[in-house]
Structures are given as structure tokens and as C-alpha cells.
Amino acid sequence: MAHVNNSVYQNYFDLARTQYFEEVFEEHINWKLRALVLAKITIEYIQPIFLEENIIVQSKVYKLGNKSLQMKQEIVNKDTREIKAINEAVLVSFGAKEEKAIEMPEDWRNKIVKFENDIDF
């Protein structure tokens, strides 16, 4: 059918999410110290993505909690601007040493707020 399998959409979202946080935090996340882990994810498939289609993934953190954040991502056709899929995710700040959810590190919080000037708390 010449379209991307729906299981691949999550890979697009994951790669874009990693790139987003590296850009916002201005560093690679050191998974041995602290991380953001997925707690919940939903994908709405709107239109198929065809194999030769030029797409981008737009990512935005729209809500910050004490230990978690909510993010929305859209796969968009770069040429037509048609939305192909929407992903909403909850990510939890995780301490590797503690092996559990931790308060969102202040430096991460500040960088997200600065990057997303319209964030909800």
C-alpha cells in the first residue's frame, strides 16, 4: 500500500522527543543520573504517511507538574502542512539512583519554561 506501518510512527515520535530535549536542555541526558521516562502515550492516526512523503515532527511541552510533564507531538507533511498523526505523552522525571520518580530537576524545569513561553502549570 506504499505507506509507513503504524508501528513506525512511535519511532518518529521517540526520535523527535529525544532531539527536543537535547535542544532544550542543551545536553545529552545522562541516563545513569536522571531521565525522563514514558508513563503514558496515546497516538491518533489521522492520515497515512506514504513512503516518499516529506514529514516533520513538531513537539511541545504544554504542562509541567512536580514530577511529570505532558507533551504533544504532531507528524506533519512538510509540504502540505497536513497533520498525519498526533501523539500525547506523559513523561516522568526518574532518578536512576533512587530507582523511582523524582522532582523535576530545577535546571530542566527552567529550561523548558524558557523554551516554551506559554506553558501551563
N, C-alpha and C. Protein backbone atom coordinates (compact mmCIF):
# COMPACT_ATOMS: atom_id res chain seq x y z
N MET A 1 0.82 -1.20 0.00
CA MET A 1 0.00 0.00 0.00
C MET A 1 0.86 1.26 0.00
N ALA A 2 2.18 1.09 0.06
CA ALA A 2 3.15 2.19 -0.05
C ALA A 2 3.07 3.20 1.09
N HIS A 3 2.55 2.76 2.23
CA HIS A 3 2.54 3.67 3.38
C HIS A 3 3.38 3.09 4.52
N VAL A 4 3.73 3.95 5.45
CA VAL A 4 4.53 3.57 6.61
C VAL A 4 3.64 2.78 7.58
N ASN A 5 4.16 1.68 8.09
CA ASN A 5 3.41 0.89 9.06
C ASN A 5 3.18 1.72 10.32
N ASN A 6 2.02 1.55 10.93
CA ASN A 6 1.68 2.38 12.09
C ASN A 6 2.64 2.19 13.26
N SER A 7 3.30 1.05 13.36
CA SER A 7 4.25 0.85 14.45
C SER A 7 5.48 1.75 14.32
N VAL A 8 5.75 2.25 13.13
CA VAL A 8 6.91 3.12 12.89
C VAL A 8 6.65 4.54 13.40
N TYR A 9 5.39 4.93 13.48
CA TYR A 9 5.06 6.28 13.94
C TYR A 9 5.68 6.54 15.31
N GLN A 10 5.64 5.55 16.19
CA GLN A 10 6.20 5.74 17.53
C GLN A 10 7.70 6.01 17.46
N ASN A 11 8.39 5.39 16.51
CA ASN A 11 9.81 5.67 16.34
C ASN A 11 10.03 7.13 15.96
N TYR A 12 9.20 7.66 15.07
CA TYR A 12 9.31 9.07 14.70
C TYR A 12 9.11 9.96 15.94
N PHE A 13 8.10 9.65 16.72
CA PHE A 13 7.83 10.45 17.93
C PHE A 13 9.00 10.34 18.92
N ASP A 14 9.52 9.14 19.12
CA ASP A 14 10.64 8.94 20.06
C ASP A 14 11.88 9.72 19.63
N LEU A 15 12.23 9.63 18.37
CA LEU A 15 13.41 10.35 17.88
C LEU A 15 13.24 11.86 18.02
N ALA A 16 12.06 12.36 17.68
CA ALA A 16 11.80 13.80 17.80
C ALA A 16 11.80 14.24 19.26
N ARG A 17 11.27 13.41 20.14
CA ARG A 17 11.24 13.75 21.57
C ARG A 17 12.67 13.84 22.11
N THR A 18 13.51 12.90 21.74
CA THR A 18 14.91 12.92 22.17
C THR A 18 15.61 14.17 21.66
N GLN A 19 15.41 14.49 20.40
CA GLN A 19 16.01 15.69 19.82
C GLN A 19 15.50 16.95 20.52
N TYR A 20 14.20 16.99 20.81
CA TYR A 20 13.61 18.13 21.51
C TYR A 20 14.32 18.38 22.84
N PHE A 21 14.44 17.34 23.67
CA PHE A 21 15.03 17.52 24.99
C PHE A 21 16.52 17.83 24.92
N GLU A 22 17.23 17.27 23.96
CA GLU A 22 18.64 17.62 23.80
C GLU A 22 18.79 19.09 23.42
N GLU A 23 17.89 19.59 22.58
CA GLU A 23 17.93 21.00 22.19
C GLU A 23 17.56 21.90 23.37
N VAL A 24 16.49 21.56 24.07
CA VAL A 24 16.03 22.40 25.19
C VAL A 24 17.02 22.36 26.35
N PHE A 25 17.51 21.18 26.71
CA PHE A 25 18.42 21.04 27.85
C PHE A 25 19.86 21.42 27.49
N GLU A 26 20.14 21.53 26.21
CA GLU A 26 21.48 21.86 25.70
C GLU A 26 22.51 20.84 26.16
N GLU A 27 22.09 19.57 26.21
CA GLU A 27 22.98 18.48 26.60
C GLU A 27 22.30 17.15 26.31
N HIS A 28 23.10 16.10 26.27
CA HIS A 28 22.56 14.75 26.19
C HIS A 28 22.13 14.34 27.60
N ILE A 29 21.01 13.68 27.70
CA ILE A 29 20.56 13.20 29.01
C ILE A 29 21.48 12.06 29.46
N ASN A 30 21.99 12.17 30.68
CA ASN A 30 22.81 11.12 31.26
C ASN A 30 21.87 10.15 31.98
N TRP A 31 21.55 9.07 31.33
CA TRP A 31 20.57 8.11 31.83
C TRP A 31 21.01 7.44 33.13
N LYS A 32 22.29 7.52 33.46
CA LYS A 32 22.79 6.92 34.69
C LYS A 32 22.51 7.81 35.90
N LEU A 33 22.12 9.08 35.66
CA LEU A 33 21.83 10.00 36.75
C LEU A 33 20.33 10.29 36.86
N ARG A 34 19.77 10.78 35.78
CA ARG A 34 18.36 11.17 35.77
C ARG A 34 17.83 11.06 34.34
N ALA A 35 16.54 10.89 34.24
CA ALA A 35 15.96 10.66 32.92
C ALA A 35 14.51 11.12 32.91
N LEU A 36 13.94 11.12 31.74
CA LEU A 36 12.50 11.27 31.57
C LEU A 36 12.01 9.97 30.95
N VAL A 37 11.08 9.32 31.63
CA VAL A 37 10.56 8.04 31.14
C VAL A 37 9.08 8.19 30.81
N LEU A 38 8.65 7.45 29.79
CA LEU A 38 7.26 7.49 29.38
C LEU A 38 6.38 6.78 30.40
N ALA A 39 5.31 7.44 30.82
CA ALA A 39 4.33 6.83 31.71
C ALA A 39 3.04 6.53 30.96
N LYS A 40 2.75 7.34 29.95
CA LYS A 40 1.52 7.16 29.19
C LYS A 40 1.72 7.74 27.80
N ILE A 41 1.15 7.07 26.82
CA ILE A 41 1.25 7.58 25.46
C ILE A 41 0.00 7.21 24.68
N THR A 42 -0.49 8.14 23.89
CA THR A 42 -1.61 7.86 23.00
C THR A 42 -1.26 8.40 21.62
N ILE A 43 -1.68 7.67 20.61
CA ILE A 43 -1.45 8.10 19.23
C ILE A 43 -2.78 8.10 18.50
N GLU A 44 -3.06 9.20 17.85
CA GLU A 44 -4.23 9.31 16.98
C GLU A 44 -3.72 9.30 15.54
N TYR A 45 -4.07 8.26 14.81
CA TYR A 45 -3.67 8.14 13.41
C TYR A 45 -4.71 8.85 12.55
N ILE A 46 -4.31 9.91 11.88
CA ILE A 46 -5.26 10.73 11.13
C ILE A 46 -5.22 10.40 9.64
N GLN A 47 -4.02 10.36 9.07
CA GLN A 47 -3.85 10.05 7.65
C GLN A 47 -2.61 9.18 7.49
N PRO A 48 -2.57 8.34 6.47
CA PRO A 48 -1.37 7.54 6.27
C PRO A 48 -0.18 8.40 5.87
N ILE A 49 0.99 7.94 6.25
CA ILE A 49 2.23 8.55 5.80
C ILE A 49 2.76 7.65 4.69
N PHE A 50 2.96 8.21 3.52
CA PHE A 50 3.46 7.42 2.40
C PHE A 50 4.98 7.40 2.40
N LEU A 51 5.54 6.35 1.83
CA LEU A 51 6.97 6.09 1.93
C LEU A 51 7.85 7.23 1.43
N GLU A 52 7.46 7.92 0.41
CA GLU A 52 8.27 9.01 -0.15
C GLU A 52 7.87 10.38 0.39
N GLU A 53 7.00 10.40 1.38
CA GLU A 53 6.47 11.67 1.90
C GLU A 53 7.50 12.41 2.75
N ASN A 54 7.55 13.71 2.60
CA ASN A 54 8.45 14.58 3.35
C ASN A 54 7.71 15.04 4.62
N ILE A 55 8.14 14.53 5.78
CA ILE A 55 7.44 14.83 7.04
C ILE A 55 8.37 15.49 8.05
N ILE A 56 7.76 16.15 9.01
CA ILE A 56 8.46 16.68 10.18
C ILE A 56 7.63 16.31 11.41
N VAL A 57 8.28 16.31 12.56
CA VAL A 57 7.57 16.08 13.81
C VAL A 57 7.71 17.34 14.65
N GLN A 58 6.57 17.93 14.99
CA GLN A 58 6.55 19.11 15.84
C GLN A 58 6.28 18.66 17.27
N SER A 59 7.07 19.18 18.21
CA SER A 59 6.98 18.74 19.60
C SER A 59 6.84 19.93 20.52
N LYS A 60 6.01 19.77 21.56
CA LYS A 60 5.79 20.85 22.51
C LYS A 60 5.43 20.29 23.89
N VAL A 61 6.12 20.77 24.92
CA VAL A 61 5.71 20.50 26.29
C VAL A 61 4.68 21.57 26.63
N TYR A 62 3.50 21.12 27.06
CA TYR A 62 2.44 22.10 27.33
C TYR A 62 2.01 22.14 28.79
N LYS A 63 2.52 21.21 29.61
CA LYS A 63 2.17 21.24 31.03
C LYS A 63 3.30 20.64 31.85
N LEU A 64 3.62 21.31 32.94
CA LEU A 64 4.66 20.85 33.86
C LEU A 64 4.06 20.60 35.23
N GLY A 65 4.31 19.42 35.77
CA GLY A 65 3.91 19.12 37.13
C GLY A 65 5.14 19.06 38.02
N ASN A 66 4.99 18.55 39.23
CA ASN A 66 6.12 18.44 40.14
C ASN A 66 7.11 17.36 39.71
N LYS A 67 6.58 16.23 39.23
CA LYS A 67 7.43 15.12 38.83
C LYS A 67 7.23 14.71 37.37
N SER A 68 6.30 15.34 36.70
CA SER A 68 5.99 14.91 35.34
C SER A 68 5.74 16.10 34.42
N LEU A 69 5.64 15.78 33.15
CA LEU A 69 5.28 16.79 32.16
C LEU A 69 4.40 16.13 31.11
N GLN A 70 3.67 16.96 30.39
CA GLN A 70 2.83 16.48 29.30
C GLN A 70 3.32 17.10 28.01
N MET A 71 3.39 16.27 26.98
CA MET A 71 3.93 16.70 25.70
C MET A 71 2.98 16.31 24.59
N LYS A 72 2.88 17.18 23.60
CA LYS A 72 2.09 16.90 22.40
C LYS A 72 3.03 16.95 21.21
N GLN A 73 2.87 15.99 20.31
CA GLN A 73 3.65 15.96 19.08
C GLN A 73 2.72 15.71 17.90
N GLU A 74 3.09 16.27 16.78
CA GLU A 74 2.33 16.05 15.54
C GLU A 74 3.29 15.70 14.43
N ILE A 75 2.96 14.66 13.68
CA ILE A 75 3.66 14.38 12.44
C ILE A 75 2.92 15.15 11.36
N VAL A 76 3.67 15.97 10.63
CA VAL A 76 3.07 16.88 9.65
C VAL A 76 3.78 16.71 8.31
N ASN A 77 3.00 16.72 7.23
CA ASN A 77 3.58 16.76 5.90
C ASN A 77 4.24 18.12 5.73
N LYS A 78 5.54 18.13 5.46
CA LYS A 78 6.29 19.37 5.39
C LYS A 78 5.82 20.28 4.26
N ASP A 79 5.31 19.70 3.19
CA ASP A 79 4.90 20.48 2.03
C ASP A 79 3.47 20.99 2.12
N THR A 80 2.55 20.12 2.52
CA THR A 80 1.12 20.49 2.55
C THR A 80 0.66 20.97 3.91
N ARG A 81 1.47 20.71 4.96
CA ARG A 81 1.15 21.04 6.36
C ARG A 81 -0.01 20.19 6.91
N GLU A 82 -0.37 19.12 6.22
CA GLU A 82 -1.42 18.22 6.72
C GLU A 82 -0.89 17.44 7.92
N ILE A 83 -1.72 17.34 8.95
CA ILE A 83 -1.36 16.56 10.13
C ILE A 83 -1.65 15.10 9.84
N LYS A 84 -0.65 14.27 10.06
CA LYS A 84 -0.75 12.84 9.79
C LYS A 84 -1.08 12.04 11.06
N ALA A 85 -0.53 12.47 12.19
CA ALA A 85 -0.77 11.77 13.45
C ALA A 85 -0.47 12.72 14.60
N ILE A 86 -1.15 12.46 15.72
CA ILE A 86 -0.95 13.25 16.93
C ILE A 86 -0.61 12.30 18.07
N ASN A 87 0.40 12.68 18.82
CA ASN A 87 0.86 11.89 19.96
C ASN A 87 0.76 12.77 21.20
N GLU A 88 0.16 12.24 22.25
CA GLU A 88 0.17 12.92 23.55
C GLU A 88 0.82 11.97 24.54
N ALA A 89 1.76 12.51 25.32
CA ALA A 89 2.53 11.67 26.23
C ALA A 89 2.68 12.33 27.59
N VAL A 90 2.76 11.48 28.60
CA VAL A 90 3.13 11.91 29.95
C VAL A 90 4.50 11.30 30.22
N LEU A 91 5.44 12.15 30.58
CA LEU A 91 6.78 11.70 30.92
C LEU A 91 7.05 12.04 32.38
N VAL A 92 7.73 11.14 33.06
CA VAL A 92 8.03 11.29 34.48
C VAL A 92 9.53 11.44 34.67
N SER A 93 9.90 12.39 35.52
CA SER A 93 11.30 12.57 35.89
C SER A 93 11.71 11.39 36.77
N PHE A 94 12.78 10.73 36.39
CA PHE A 94 13.17 9.48 37.05
C PHE A 94 14.62 9.57 37.51
N GLY A 95 14.86 9.24 38.78
CA GLY A 95 16.21 9.20 39.33
C GLY A 95 16.77 7.80 39.24
N ALA A 96 17.90 7.65 38.58
CA ALA A 96 18.49 6.32 38.43
C ALA A 96 18.95 5.75 39.77
N LYS A 97 19.54 6.59 40.60
CA LYS A 97 19.99 6.13 41.92
C LYS A 97 18.81 5.76 42.81
N GLU A 98 17.77 6.57 42.75
CA GLU A 98 16.59 6.35 43.59
C GLU A 98 15.70 5.23 43.05
N GLU A 99 15.82 4.97 41.75
CA GLU A 99 15.01 3.97 41.05
C GLU A 99 13.51 4.25 41.20
N LYS A 100 13.17 5.55 41.12
CA LYS A 100 11.77 5.96 41.21
C LYS A 100 11.62 7.38 40.68
N ALA A 101 10.37 7.81 40.61
CA ALA A 101 10.08 9.17 40.17
C ALA A 101 10.66 10.16 41.17
N ILE A 102 11.22 11.24 40.64
CA ILE A 102 11.79 12.30 41.47
C ILE A 102 11.21 13.64 41.04
N GLU A 103 11.40 14.65 41.87
CA GLU A 103 11.00 16.00 41.50
C GLU A 103 11.71 16.39 40.20
N MET A 104 11.01 17.11 39.34
CA MET A 104 11.63 17.59 38.11
C MET A 104 12.83 18.45 38.48
N PRO A 105 14.03 18.11 37.99
CA PRO A 105 15.19 18.92 38.30
C PRO A 105 14.96 20.39 37.92
N GLU A 106 15.39 21.27 38.80
CA GLU A 106 15.13 22.71 38.61
C GLU A 106 15.73 23.23 37.30
N ASP A 107 16.92 22.75 36.94
CA ASP A 107 17.52 23.23 35.69
C ASP A 107 16.69 22.80 34.48
N TRP A 108 16.15 21.57 34.49
CA TRP A 108 15.29 21.13 33.40
C TRP A 108 14.02 21.98 33.36
N ARG A 109 13.42 22.17 34.52
CA ARG A 109 12.18 22.96 34.60
C ARG A 109 12.40 24.36 34.02
N ASN A 110 13.48 25.00 34.45
CA ASN A 110 13.76 26.37 33.99
C ASN A 110 13.99 26.43 32.48
N LYS A 111 14.69 25.44 31.94
CA LYS A 111 14.97 25.43 30.50
C LYS A 111 13.70 25.18 29.70
N ILE A 112 12.82 24.32 30.18
CA ILE A 112 11.55 24.07 29.49
C ILE A 112 10.69 25.32 29.51
N VAL A 113 10.59 25.95 30.67
CA VAL A 113 9.77 27.17 30.80
C VAL A 113 10.30 28.26 29.88
N LYS A 114 11.61 28.41 29.81
CA LYS A 114 12.21 29.42 28.94
C LYS A 114 11.93 29.11 27.47
N PHE A 115 12.03 27.83 27.08
CA PHE A 115 11.82 27.43 25.70
C PHE A 115 10.35 27.54 25.30
N GLU A 116 9.47 27.10 26.18
CA GLU A 116 8.02 27.12 25.95
C GLU A 116 7.45 28.29 26.74
N ASN A 117 7.33 29.42 26.13
CA ASN A 117 6.95 30.62 26.87
C ASN A 117 5.47 30.68 27.25
N ASP A 118 4.70 29.67 26.90
CA ASP A 118 3.26 29.68 27.21
C ASP A 118 2.83 28.40 27.95
N ILE A 119 3.72 27.87 28.76
CA ILE A 119 3.47 26.57 29.42
C ILE A 119 2.45 26.72 30.55
N ASP A 120 1.71 25.63 30.77
CA ASP A 120 0.70 25.57 31.82
C ASP A 120 1.29 24.80 33.01
N PHE A 121 0.99 25.27 34.21
CA PHE A 121 1.46 24.59 35.43
C PHE A 121 0.31 23.97 36.18
